[in-house]
Protein backbone atom coordinates (compact mmCIF):
# COMPACT_ATOMS: atom_id res chain seq x y z
CA UNK A 1 4.37 35.88 17.65
CA UNK A 2 6.25 37.20 20.69
CA UNK A 3 7.29 34.74 23.33
CA UNK A 4 5.37 35.72 26.49
CA UNK A 5 6.69 32.79 28.44
CA UNK A 6 10.24 34.22 28.66
CA UNK A 7 9.28 37.36 30.69
CA UNK A 8 7.05 35.26 32.91
CA UNK A 9 9.85 32.81 33.48
CA UNK A 10 12.29 35.66 34.16
CA UNK A 11 9.86 37.27 36.59
CA UNK A 12 9.32 34.01 38.42
CA UNK A 13 13.04 33.37 38.52
CA UNK A 14 13.75 36.82 39.96
CA UNK A 15 10.96 36.64 42.52
CA UNK A 16 11.90 35.89 46.13
CA UNK A 17 11.02 32.39 47.26
CA UNK A 18 7.91 32.05 49.36
CA UNK A 19 8.86 32.13 53.04
CA UNK A 20 7.46 29.39 55.18
CA UNK A 21 8.10 28.29 58.75
CA UNK A 22 11.39 26.49 59.26
CA UNK A 23 9.59 24.05 61.58
CA UNK A 24 7.90 21.26 59.65
CA UNK A 25 6.21 19.66 62.67
CA UNK A 26 3.69 21.61 64.80
CA UNK A 27 5.25 22.52 68.13
CA UNK A 28 8.77 21.62 67.03
CA UNK A 29 11.65 23.74 68.28
CA UNK A 30 13.19 24.70 71.58
CA UNK A 31 11.11 26.58 74.13
CA UNK A 32 13.96 27.21 76.58
CA UNK A 33 14.19 30.92 75.79
CA UNK A 34 10.44 31.38 76.24
CA UNK A 35 10.49 29.46 79.53
CA UNK A 36 13.41 31.48 80.90
CA UNK A 37 11.71 34.73 79.89
CA UNK A 38 8.46 33.66 81.56
CA UNK A 39 10.21 32.75 84.82
CA UNK A 40 12.17 36.01 84.88
CA UNK A 41 9.01 38.00 84.21
CA UNK A 42 7.16 36.30 87.06
CA UNK A 43 10.07 36.89 89.43
CA UNK A 44 10.21 40.56 88.41
CA UNK A 45 6.46 40.99 89.02
CA UNK A 46 6.85 39.25 92.39
CA UNK A 47 9.73 41.54 93.34
CA UNK A 48 7.95 44.72 92.28
CA UNK A 49 4.59 43.87 93.89
CA UNK A 50 6.12 42.95 97.25
CA UNK A 51 8.72 45.71 97.48
CA UNK A 52 6.24 48.37 96.38
CA UNK A 53 3.89 47.35 99.20
CA UNK A 54 1.06 46.24 96.94
CA UNK A 55 0.74 42.96 98.87
CA UNK A 56 1.25 42.45 102.59
CA UNK A 57 4.17 40.17 103.56
CA UNK A 58 1.75 37.91 105.42
CA UNK A 59 0.12 36.98 102.12
CA UNK A 60 3.13 37.17 99.80
CA UNK A 61 6.64 37.62 101.23
CA UNK A 62 9.33 39.25 99.13
CA UNK A 63 11.87 37.18 97.18
CA UNK A 64 14.59 38.48 99.52
CA UNK A 65 12.76 37.14 102.59
CA UNK A 66 12.21 33.74 100.98
CA UNK A 67 15.86 33.53 99.91
CA UNK A 68 16.99 34.54 103.39
CA UNK A 69 15.00 31.67 104.90
CA UNK A 70 16.50 29.31 102.34
CA UNK A 71 20.02 30.39 103.36
CA UNK A 72 19.23 30.08 107.07
CA UNK A 73 17.77 26.59 106.69
CA UNK A 74 20.59 25.53 104.39
CA UNK A 75 23.28 26.69 106.81
CA UNK A 76 21.44 25.36 109.89
CA UNK A 77 21.01 28.76 111.55
CA UNK A 78 17.20 28.66 111.46
CA UNK A 79 15.19 27.76 114.56
CA UNK A 80 14.48 24.32 113.13
CA UNK A 81 16.24 21.29 111.75
CA UNK A 82 18.56 22.02 108.77
CA UNK A 83 17.10 21.91 105.30
CA UNK A 84 19.21 18.90 104.33
CA UNK A 85 17.67 16.86 107.16
CA UNK A 86 14.14 17.70 105.97
CA UNK A 87 15.18 17.08 102.38
CA UNK A 88 16.74 13.67 103.11
CA UNK A 89 13.68 12.48 105.04
CA UNK A 90 11.29 13.49 102.26
CA UNK A 91 13.49 12.01 99.54
CA UNK A 92 13.66 8.70 101.41
CA UNK A 93 9.88 8.54 101.74
CA UNK A 94 9.06 9.57 98.17
CA UNK A 95 11.64 7.43 96.39
CA UNK A 96 11.08 4.40 98.62
CA UNK A 97 7.40 4.53 97.70
CA UNK A 98 8.18 5.24 94.04
CA UNK A 99 10.63 2.35 93.66
CA UNK A 100 8.23 -0.01 95.42
CA UNK A 101 5.46 1.12 93.09
CA UNK A 102 7.69 0.52 90.04
CA UNK A 103 8.53 -3.00 91.23
CA UNK A 104 4.89 -3.94 91.81
CA UNK A 105 2.73 -1.75 89.55
CA UNK A 106 4.62 -2.23 86.27
CA UNK A 107 4.45 -6.08 86.34
CA UNK A 108 0.77 -5.89 87.33
CA UNK A 109 0.09 -3.44 84.50
CA UNK A 110 1.91 -5.72 82.04
CA UNK A 111 -0.15 -8.67 83.28
CA UNK A 112 -3.35 -6.64 82.89
CA UNK A 113 -2.42 -5.84 79.32
CA UNK A 114 -1.65 -9.48 78.44
CA UNK A 115 -4.25 -11.42 80.43
CA UNK A 116 -7.98 -10.92 80.75
CA UNK A 117 -7.86 -12.76 84.08
CA UNK A 118 -5.33 -10.31 85.54
CA UNK A 119 -7.29 -7.41 84.06
CA UNK A 120 -10.48 -8.69 85.66
CA UNK A 121 -8.78 -9.05 89.06
CA UNK A 122 -6.83 -5.80 89.30
CA UNK A 123 -8.86 -3.36 87.21
CA UNK A 124 -11.83 -2.87 89.62
CA UNK A 125 -9.81 -1.99 92.76
CA UNK A 126 -7.40 0.24 90.84
CA UNK A 127 -10.17 2.12 89.06
CA UNK A 128 -12.08 2.41 92.35
CA UNK A 129 -9.37 4.06 94.42
CA UNK A 130 -7.60 5.96 91.61
CA UNK A 131 -9.97 9.00 91.59
CA UNK A 132 -9.99 9.25 95.40
CA UNK A 133 -7.87 12.06 96.90
CA UNK A 134 -5.21 10.73 99.30
CA UNK A 135 -6.66 12.72 102.21
CA UNK A 136 -9.90 10.73 101.92
CA UNK A 137 -8.31 7.41 102.84
CA UNK A 138 -5.55 8.84 105.05
CA UNK A 139 -7.59 8.36 108.28
CA UNK A 140 -8.17 4.71 107.38
CA UNK A 141 -4.45 4.17 106.78
CA UNK A 142 -3.69 5.72 110.19
CA UNK A 143 -6.22 3.43 111.90
CA UNK A 144 -4.79 0.35 110.20
CA UNK A 145 -1.05 1.08 110.29
CA UNK A 146 -0.51 3.64 113.06
CA UNK A 147 1.56 6.82 112.85
CA UNK A 148 5.08 5.52 112.16
CA UNK A 149 6.87 5.64 108.80
CA UNK A 150 4.77 2.91 107.15
CA UNK A 151 1.58 4.97 106.64
CA UNK A 152 3.57 7.86 105.17
CA UNK A 153 5.31 5.65 102.61
CA UNK A 154 2.11 3.70 101.95
CA UNK A 155 0.13 6.85 101.15
CA UNK A 156 2.75 7.97 98.61
CA UNK A 157 2.96 4.42 97.24
CA UNK A 158 -0.78 4.32 96.56
CA UNK A 159 -0.56 7.69 94.78
CA UNK A 160 2.20 6.32 92.51
CA UNK A 161 0.75 2.85 91.95
CA UNK A 162 -2.36 3.59 89.84
CA UNK A 163 -0.75 5.75 87.10
CA UNK A 164 2.13 3.29 86.76
CA UNK A 165 -0.14 0.26 86.44
CA UNK A 166 -2.47 1.95 83.95
CA UNK A 167 0.43 3.26 81.86
CA UNK A 168 1.97 -0.21 81.67
CA UNK A 169 -1.39 -1.73 80.71
CA UNK A 170 -1.90 0.87 78.00
CA UNK A 171 1.63 0.41 76.71
CA UNK A 172 1.11 -3.31 76.16
CA UNK A 173 -1.37 -2.38 73.42
CA UNK A 174 1.13 -0.14 71.60
CA UNK A 175 2.63 -2.84 69.38
CA UNK A 176 0.81 -3.11 66.08
CA UNK A 177 -0.71 -6.40 64.95
CA UNK A 178 1.58 -6.33 61.92
CA UNK A 179 4.68 -6.31 64.15
CA UNK A 180 3.36 -9.20 66.21
CA UNK A 181 2.40 -11.25 63.13
CA UNK A 182 5.79 -10.55 61.54
CA UNK A 183 7.56 -11.86 64.65
CA UNK A 184 5.40 -14.99 64.67
CA UNK A 185 6.03 -15.55 60.95
CA UNK A 186 9.78 -15.55 61.63
CA UNK A 187 9.40 -18.31 64.20
CA UNK A 188 9.26 -16.28 67.44
CA UNK A 189 7.61 -17.88 70.44
CA UNK A 190 4.96 -16.21 72.59
CA UNK A 191 7.53 -15.23 75.19
CA UNK A 192 9.91 -13.85 72.56
CA UNK A 193 7.11 -11.74 71.08
CA UNK A 194 6.45 -10.26 74.51
CA UNK A 195 10.14 -9.63 75.27
CA UNK A 196 11.29 -8.33 71.87
CA UNK A 197 8.16 -6.76 70.35
CA UNK A 198 5.53 -5.85 72.91
CA UNK A 199 7.69 -4.68 75.83
CA UNK A 200 9.88 -2.36 73.70
CA UNK A 201 6.69 -0.85 72.26
CA UNK A 202 5.30 -0.41 75.78
CA UNK A 203 8.45 1.22 77.17
CA UNK A 204 7.57 4.82 76.13
CA UNK A 205 4.20 4.60 77.89
CA UNK A 206 5.81 3.07 80.97
CA UNK A 207 8.35 5.90 81.18
CA UNK A 208 5.61 8.50 80.84
CA UNK A 209 3.74 6.70 83.61
CA UNK A 210 6.85 6.90 85.79
CA UNK A 211 7.04 10.66 85.24
CA UNK A 212 3.37 11.06 86.16
CA UNK A 213 3.73 8.77 89.18
CA UNK A 214 6.68 10.63 90.70
CA UNK A 215 4.72 13.86 90.25
CA UNK A 216 1.79 12.36 92.17
CA UNK A 217 4.26 11.18 94.80
CA UNK A 218 5.56 14.69 95.42
CA UNK A 219 2.00 16.02 95.39
CA UNK A 220 1.05 13.58 98.14
CA UNK A 221 4.16 14.32 100.22
CA UNK A 222 2.61 17.10 102.32
CA UNK A 223 -0.46 14.96 103.07
CA UNK A 224 1.75 12.00 104.00
CA UNK A 225 3.85 14.07 106.39
CA UNK A 226 0.74 15.23 108.22
CA UNK A 227 0.86 11.84 109.98
CA UNK A 228 2.81 12.74 113.14
CA UNK A 229 5.99 13.60 111.26
CA UNK A 230 8.68 15.61 112.99
CA UNK A 231 10.94 15.99 109.96
CA UNK A 232 10.43 16.41 106.23
CA UNK A 233 9.74 19.15 103.70
CA UNK A 234 5.98 18.74 104.01
CA UNK A 235 6.19 18.85 107.79
CA UNK A 236 8.35 21.98 107.58
CA UNK A 237 5.72 23.69 105.42
CA UNK A 238 2.82 22.64 107.64
CA UNK A 239 4.60 23.70 110.82
CA UNK A 240 5.44 27.09 109.32
CA UNK A 241 1.83 27.55 108.21
CA UNK A 242 0.65 27.02 111.79
CA UNK A 243 2.74 30.04 112.84
CA UNK A 244 1.85 32.12 109.74
CA UNK A 245 5.47 32.04 108.52
CA UNK A 246 4.62 32.55 104.88
CA UNK A 247 8.26 33.05 103.92
CA UNK A 248 9.15 29.54 105.15
CA UNK A 249 6.05 28.13 103.46
CA UNK A 250 7.06 29.70 100.15
CA UNK A 251 10.63 28.47 100.54
CA UNK A 252 9.45 24.91 101.19
CA UNK A 253 7.10 25.02 98.20
CA UNK A 254 9.92 26.19 95.95
CA UNK A 255 12.25 23.43 97.18
CA UNK A 256 9.61 20.73 96.60
CA UNK A 257 8.78 22.11 93.15
CA UNK A 258 12.41 22.46 92.03
CA UNK A 259 13.31 18.93 93.15
CA UNK A 260 10.26 17.49 91.38
CA UNK A 261 11.09 19.46 88.22
CA UNK A 262 14.72 18.31 88.23
CA UNK A 263 13.64 14.70 88.54
CA UNK A 264 11.20 15.21 85.67
CA UNK A 265 14.08 16.53 83.55
CA UNK A 266 16.09 13.44 84.52
CA UNK A 267 13.22 11.19 83.43
CA UNK A 268 12.98 13.04 80.11
CA UNK A 269 16.71 12.46 79.56
CA UNK A 270 16.31 8.75 80.36
CA UNK A 271 13.36 8.62 77.98
CA UNK A 272 15.42 10.12 75.16
CA UNK A 273 18.20 7.58 75.77
CA UNK A 274 16.03 4.48 76.13
CA UNK A 275 13.37 5.22 73.51
CA UNK A 276 15.01 7.51 70.91
CA UNK A 277 12.47 6.37 68.34
CA UNK A 278 9.51 7.87 70.24
CA UNK A 279 7.59 10.35 68.08
CA UNK A 280 9.59 9.44 64.96
CA UNK A 281 7.61 6.43 63.78
């Protein structure tokens, strides 16, 4: 009887291996090339549409006009304060509010995650004001605190506080019961369990909350600088809008967006250094 298995084996051996994706996890792989291509495409469309006259400069200025305003503000030749002065004022307001929110919101969020008493005290006011847009309680802040620097920083602080507190509270539930029981079985005290088991498990959520909070802070910047500000990126944009200087408005928007994006990249780098195990467990 002829051996039919030999040809089959030879055919299978000579066949090319089945090609599959080299990425084993959905979404894995670098997207830098795609992002760069997307940005370049958008810039090219912007350049073509404005230089071909498809859109009036009042509604969408050309990239050259926006870049020219950036150079003039950067070198101090514009009919306004230099860009670095506006930038420094806005950075001071945003990061003062952000650091203050980190110092207060993270401990409160940790307490909410560990204590039903703290959760009962802080959860109602946080959940009440969290969905409110900053412009809704801006008049009340002006009435209470005036028009100096305090209401500006306070408005940004409130925008940063809620996401930080809720992220810290959620992170305190990240540690599994098995990890906690294992620590107790090895003789750890309640405080040691919190310090060495629960807080490290909560750190990824806290860092994500910090990224979200600083984004909310930059989002609220323009609203905060509506309060009788004479310097700042948001004030620069608002003042230019009053005179229909769309090129300055676009330049200010780009500066705010680029700074916020760079800080987000910094937070991602910190996250990779502090919690390298995230997504691998």
